[in-house]
Amino acid sequence: MKSLTGLSLPEAVLSAAIPTFIDGGYDNTSMDEIAARAGTTKRTVYAHFGSKEQLFRAAIASAVEFFHSQLPPFGATDDPAAELEAFAARFVDLSTTWERAVRLQRIAMGEAKRFPDLAQLLHRDVIERTERIVADYLLMVVAAKHPGVKERSLDWALAMAALFLNMATGAQRFAALLQMHELIPGPPGSDTSPKVDRDRIDLAVRVFLSGFYAELGR
C-alpha cells in the first residue's frame, strides 16, 4: 500500500520518523506524532515497526544507507590525489554541513548508553564501511601504479584508510558535532558546500600520499 506521498507506508513512516526524532530526541518523540507526520495511524506504525525502539533503529539504519548512497564511487587510479580529495570532500559535506545529519549523529551518540549496539552500528556501517571503500581503492592504486612492490594486505590498507579519513575529515567532523559553524537546512547538493574546508582536505591528501608512497618503498 502507498501513502499519500507515493511512498510505501514503511518508507513514509521512516521519512517522518527521522525528522521527528531529530526535533524531539528519542524520549520526547511519540508514535502518535510520527503517525500524524506520516499521514497514517499509530496502529499502522506499530504494525510495520513493532515499537518506538525498533522504529528508532530503522530510522538510524535508513539514514546510514542514504549517506552511503550519496558517496561518490572511486574512479581510475591514474590520479589518486584527485579521487581521494573528491571522496573526502563529499564525506565531509554529507556528515558536517547538513543540519539533519549532524543532529542525528548527536542523538545517536547521546543514546549510546541506552542503545550500545546502535553506536556500534554507526561505527561499523559509517566509519568502518567507508574505510573499507577507501582501502579497496588504495589496494587498486598499489596494484596499478606500483606492481613491483611487495603485496599489501587488506589490514594494511584498512589502517592506511583510517589514517587518511582522520587526517582529511576528522577535524571538520568534530567541529560540526560541537556546532562550530552554522548548518544548512537541506541536504547537500551536487556541488560541494563552501562550508567544506577543501584547502585542509587538499593538504591532508598531499601529506597522506607522501607517507603512503614512502611506506610502499620500505
Protein backbone atom coordinates (compact mmCIF):
# COMPACT_ATOMS: atom_id res chain seq x y z
CA MET A 1 0.00 0.00 0.00
CA LYS A 2 1.18 3.50 -0.86
CA SER A 3 0.91 6.62 1.28
CA LEU A 4 -0.46 9.92 0.01
CA THR A 5 3.11 10.93 -0.88
CA GLY A 6 3.52 7.93 -3.20
CA LEU A 7 5.94 6.21 -0.82
CA SER A 8 5.21 2.79 0.59
CA LEU A 9 3.82 3.04 4.12
CA PRO A 10 7.08 1.82 5.76
CA GLU A 11 9.02 4.37 3.69
CA ALA A 12 6.58 7.13 4.62
CA VAL A 13 6.87 6.26 8.30
CA LEU A 14 10.66 6.25 8.16
CA SER A 15 10.64 9.52 6.24
CA ALA A 16 8.53 11.04 9.02
CA ALA A 17 10.37 9.35 11.90
CA ILE A 18 13.83 10.71 11.12
CA PRO A 19 12.99 14.44 11.38
CA THR A 20 10.64 13.76 14.31
CA PHE A 21 13.35 12.02 16.33
CA ILE A 22 15.75 14.81 15.37
CA ASP A 23 13.34 17.53 16.50
CA GLY A 24 12.34 15.92 19.79
CA GLY A 25 15.01 13.41 20.68
CA TYR A 26 14.18 9.81 21.50
CA ASP A 27 12.36 10.33 24.80
CA ASN A 28 10.21 13.25 23.67
CA THR A 29 9.12 11.67 20.39
CA SER A 30 5.77 9.89 20.34
CA MET A 31 4.46 7.34 17.89
CA ASP A 32 1.30 9.49 17.57
CA GLU A 33 3.43 12.38 16.33
CA ILE A 34 5.26 10.19 13.82
CA ALA A 35 1.99 8.70 12.58
CA ALA A 36 0.49 12.17 12.09
CA ARG A 37 3.56 13.35 10.23
CA ALA A 38 3.46 10.26 8.01
CA GLY A 39 -0.25 10.71 7.30
CA THR A 40 -1.22 7.37 8.78
CA THR A 41 -2.35 5.86 12.09
CA LYS A 42 -0.37 4.83 15.14
CA ARG A 43 -1.74 1.31 14.66
CA THR A 44 -0.19 1.20 11.18
CA VAL A 45 3.16 2.43 12.52
CA TYR A 46 3.18 -0.32 15.15
CA ALA A 47 2.13 -2.89 12.55
CA HIS A 48 5.21 -2.13 10.47
CA PHE A 49 7.82 -1.44 13.18
CA GLY A 50 6.54 -3.02 16.40
CA SER A 51 7.84 -0.42 18.87
CA LYS A 52 9.37 3.02 19.10
CA GLU A 53 12.75 1.41 19.76
CA GLN A 54 12.55 -0.68 16.58
CA LEU A 55 11.48 2.38 14.60
CA PHE A 56 14.39 4.40 16.01
CA ARG A 57 16.80 1.66 14.98
CA ALA A 58 15.26 1.51 11.50
CA ALA A 59 15.49 5.30 11.19
CA ILE A 60 19.21 5.25 12.02
CA ALA A 61 19.82 2.40 9.57
CA SER A 62 17.89 4.24 6.85
CA ALA A 63 19.96 7.39 7.40
CA VAL A 64 23.18 5.37 7.15
CA GLU A 65 22.09 3.86 3.84
CA PHE A 66 21.21 7.29 2.49
CA PHE A 67 24.67 8.54 3.50
CA HIS A 68 26.39 5.75 1.60
CA SER A 69 24.18 6.20 -1.44
CA GLN A 70 25.47 9.76 -1.74
CA LEU A 71 29.19 8.96 -1.57
CA PRO A 72 30.97 9.12 -4.93
CA PRO A 73 32.46 5.93 -6.33
CA PHE A 74 36.19 5.87 -6.82
CA GLY A 75 37.28 6.07 -10.45
CA ALA A 76 40.56 5.40 -12.19
CA THR A 77 43.87 5.03 -10.40
CA ASP A 78 45.84 7.47 -12.59
CA ASP A 79 45.15 10.45 -10.27
CA PRO A 80 44.75 9.21 -6.69
CA ALA A 81 45.05 12.72 -5.26
CA ALA A 82 42.01 13.96 -7.17
CA GLU A 83 39.99 10.85 -6.35
CA LEU A 84 40.79 10.97 -2.63
CA GLU A 85 40.13 14.71 -2.43
CA ALA A 86 36.72 14.40 -4.09
CA PHE A 87 35.74 11.46 -1.88
CA ALA A 88 36.82 13.20 1.34
CA ALA A 89 35.10 16.45 0.37
CA ARG A 90 31.79 14.65 -0.21
CA PHE A 91 32.19 12.69 3.02
CA VAL A 92 32.68 15.94 4.94
CA ASP A 93 29.81 17.64 3.11
CA LEU A 94 27.37 14.85 3.94
CA SER A 95 28.39 14.48 7.59
CA THR A 96 29.12 18.06 8.69
CA THR A 97 27.11 20.67 6.76
CA TRP A 98 23.55 19.28 6.77
CA GLU A 99 21.69 20.09 9.98
CA ARG A 100 19.63 16.90 9.96
CA ALA A 101 22.70 14.67 9.56
CA VAL A 102 24.66 16.38 12.33
CA ARG A 103 21.74 16.40 14.76
CA LEU A 104 21.01 12.73 14.09
CA GLN A 105 24.63 11.88 14.88
CA ARG A 106 24.35 13.79 18.16
CA ILE A 107 21.14 11.97 19.10
CA ALA A 108 22.65 8.57 18.30
CA MET A 109 25.73 9.42 20.37
CA GLY A 110 23.54 10.68 23.21
CA GLU A 111 21.59 7.41 23.21
CA ALA A 112 24.72 5.23 23.04
CA LYS A 113 24.37 4.14 26.68
CA ARG A 114 20.75 3.07 26.16
CA PHE A 115 21.43 1.52 22.73
CA PRO A 116 25.11 0.48 22.68
CA ASP A 117 24.54 -1.65 19.60
CA LEU A 118 23.42 1.46 17.68
CA ALA A 119 26.71 3.16 18.46
CA GLN A 120 28.45 0.02 17.20
CA LEU A 121 26.25 0.05 14.08
CA LEU A 122 27.18 3.66 13.35
CA HIS A 123 30.87 2.94 13.74
CA ARG A 124 30.69 -0.24 11.67
CA ASP A 125 28.37 0.97 8.91
CA VAL A 126 29.63 4.54 8.61
CA ILE A 127 33.29 4.59 9.65
CA GLU A 128 34.46 1.02 9.04
CA ARG A 129 32.41 0.63 5.87
CA THR A 130 33.86 3.86 4.50
CA GLU A 131 37.35 2.79 5.50
CA ARG A 132 36.84 -0.41 3.51
CA ILE A 133 35.82 1.59 0.42
CA VAL A 134 38.97 3.70 0.70
CA ALA A 135 41.14 0.67 1.47
CA ASP A 136 39.95 -1.18 -1.63
CA TYR A 137 40.82 1.86 -3.73
CA LEU A 138 44.28 2.14 -2.17
CA LEU A 139 44.95 -1.51 -2.99
CA MET A 140 43.88 -0.79 -6.58
CA VAL A 141 46.38 2.08 -6.68
CA VAL A 142 49.16 -0.18 -5.41
CA ALA A 143 48.35 -2.88 -7.99
CA ALA A 144 48.05 -0.43 -10.91
CA LYS A 145 50.83 2.06 -10.21
CA HIS A 146 53.32 0.05 -8.17
CA PRO A 147 53.13 -3.54 -9.45
CA GLY A 148 56.69 -4.32 -8.38
CA VAL A 149 56.26 -3.60 -4.69
CA LYS A 150 55.54 -6.17 -2.04
CA GLU A 151 51.87 -7.15 -1.96
CA ARG A 152 49.99 -5.33 0.78
CA SER A 153 47.35 -6.92 2.96
CA LEU A 154 43.80 -5.68 3.45
CA ASP A 155 44.63 -4.96 7.11
CA TRP A 156 47.46 -2.68 5.98
CA ALA A 157 45.14 -0.89 3.56
CA LEU A 158 42.45 -0.51 6.24
CA ALA A 159 44.98 1.07 8.58
CA MET A 160 46.01 3.46 5.80
CA ALA A 161 42.38 4.28 5.06
CA ALA A 162 41.70 5.06 8.72
CA LEU A 163 44.70 7.39 8.81
CA PHE A 164 43.54 9.12 5.65
CA LEU A 165 39.95 9.68 6.80
CA ASN A 166 41.08 11.02 10.16
CA MET A 167 43.56 13.37 8.52
CA ALA A 168 41.20 14.60 5.83
CA THR A 169 37.86 14.70 7.66
CA GLY A 170 38.33 14.28 11.40
CA ALA A 171 38.74 17.91 12.45
CA GLN A 172 35.76 19.09 10.42
CA ARG A 173 33.53 16.28 11.70
CA PHE A 174 34.42 17.07 15.31
CA ALA A 175 33.82 20.79 14.78
CA ALA A 176 30.36 20.09 13.35
CA LEU A 177 29.35 17.95 16.33
CA LEU A 178 30.38 20.85 18.60
CA GLN A 179 28.36 23.24 16.39
CA MET A 180 31.34 25.40 15.50
CA HIS A 181 29.66 26.64 12.32
CA GLU A 182 26.15 27.26 11.02
CA LEU A 183 24.48 24.25 9.42
CA ILE A 184 22.38 24.20 6.26
CA PRO A 185 18.71 23.09 6.50
CA GLY A 186 18.59 20.94 3.35
CA PRO A 187 20.71 18.02 2.13
CA PRO A 188 23.95 18.83 0.30
CA GLY A 189 23.60 19.40 -3.41
CA SER A 190 25.81 18.01 -6.14
CA ASP A 191 28.31 20.87 -5.70
CA THR A 192 30.42 20.82 -2.56
CA SER A 193 29.28 23.32 0.05
CA PRO A 194 31.59 26.31 0.63
CA LYS A 195 31.43 25.32 4.31
CA VAL A 196 33.72 22.39 3.50
CA ASP A 197 37.37 23.34 4.01
CA ARG A 198 38.78 21.90 0.79
CA ASP A 199 42.19 23.52 1.37
CA ARG A 200 42.55 21.46 4.55
CA ILE A 201 41.44 18.34 2.69
CA ASP A 202 43.86 19.02 -0.15
CA LEU A 203 46.72 19.41 2.33
CA ALA A 204 45.72 16.19 4.08
CA VAL A 205 45.67 14.34 0.74
CA ARG A 206 49.15 15.57 -0.18
CA VAL A 207 50.62 14.71 3.23
CA PHE A 208 48.91 11.32 3.26
CA LEU A 209 50.05 10.35 -0.22
CA SER A 210 53.60 11.40 0.59
CA GLY A 211 53.62 8.99 3.53
CA PHE A 212 51.70 6.36 1.57
CA TYR A 213 54.27 6.28 -1.24
CA ALA A 214 57.13 6.33 1.28
CA GLU A 215 55.57 3.32 3.01
CA LEU A 216 55.37 1.48 -0.31
CA GLY A 217 59.09 2.00 -0.79
CA ARG A 218 60.04 0.39 2.51
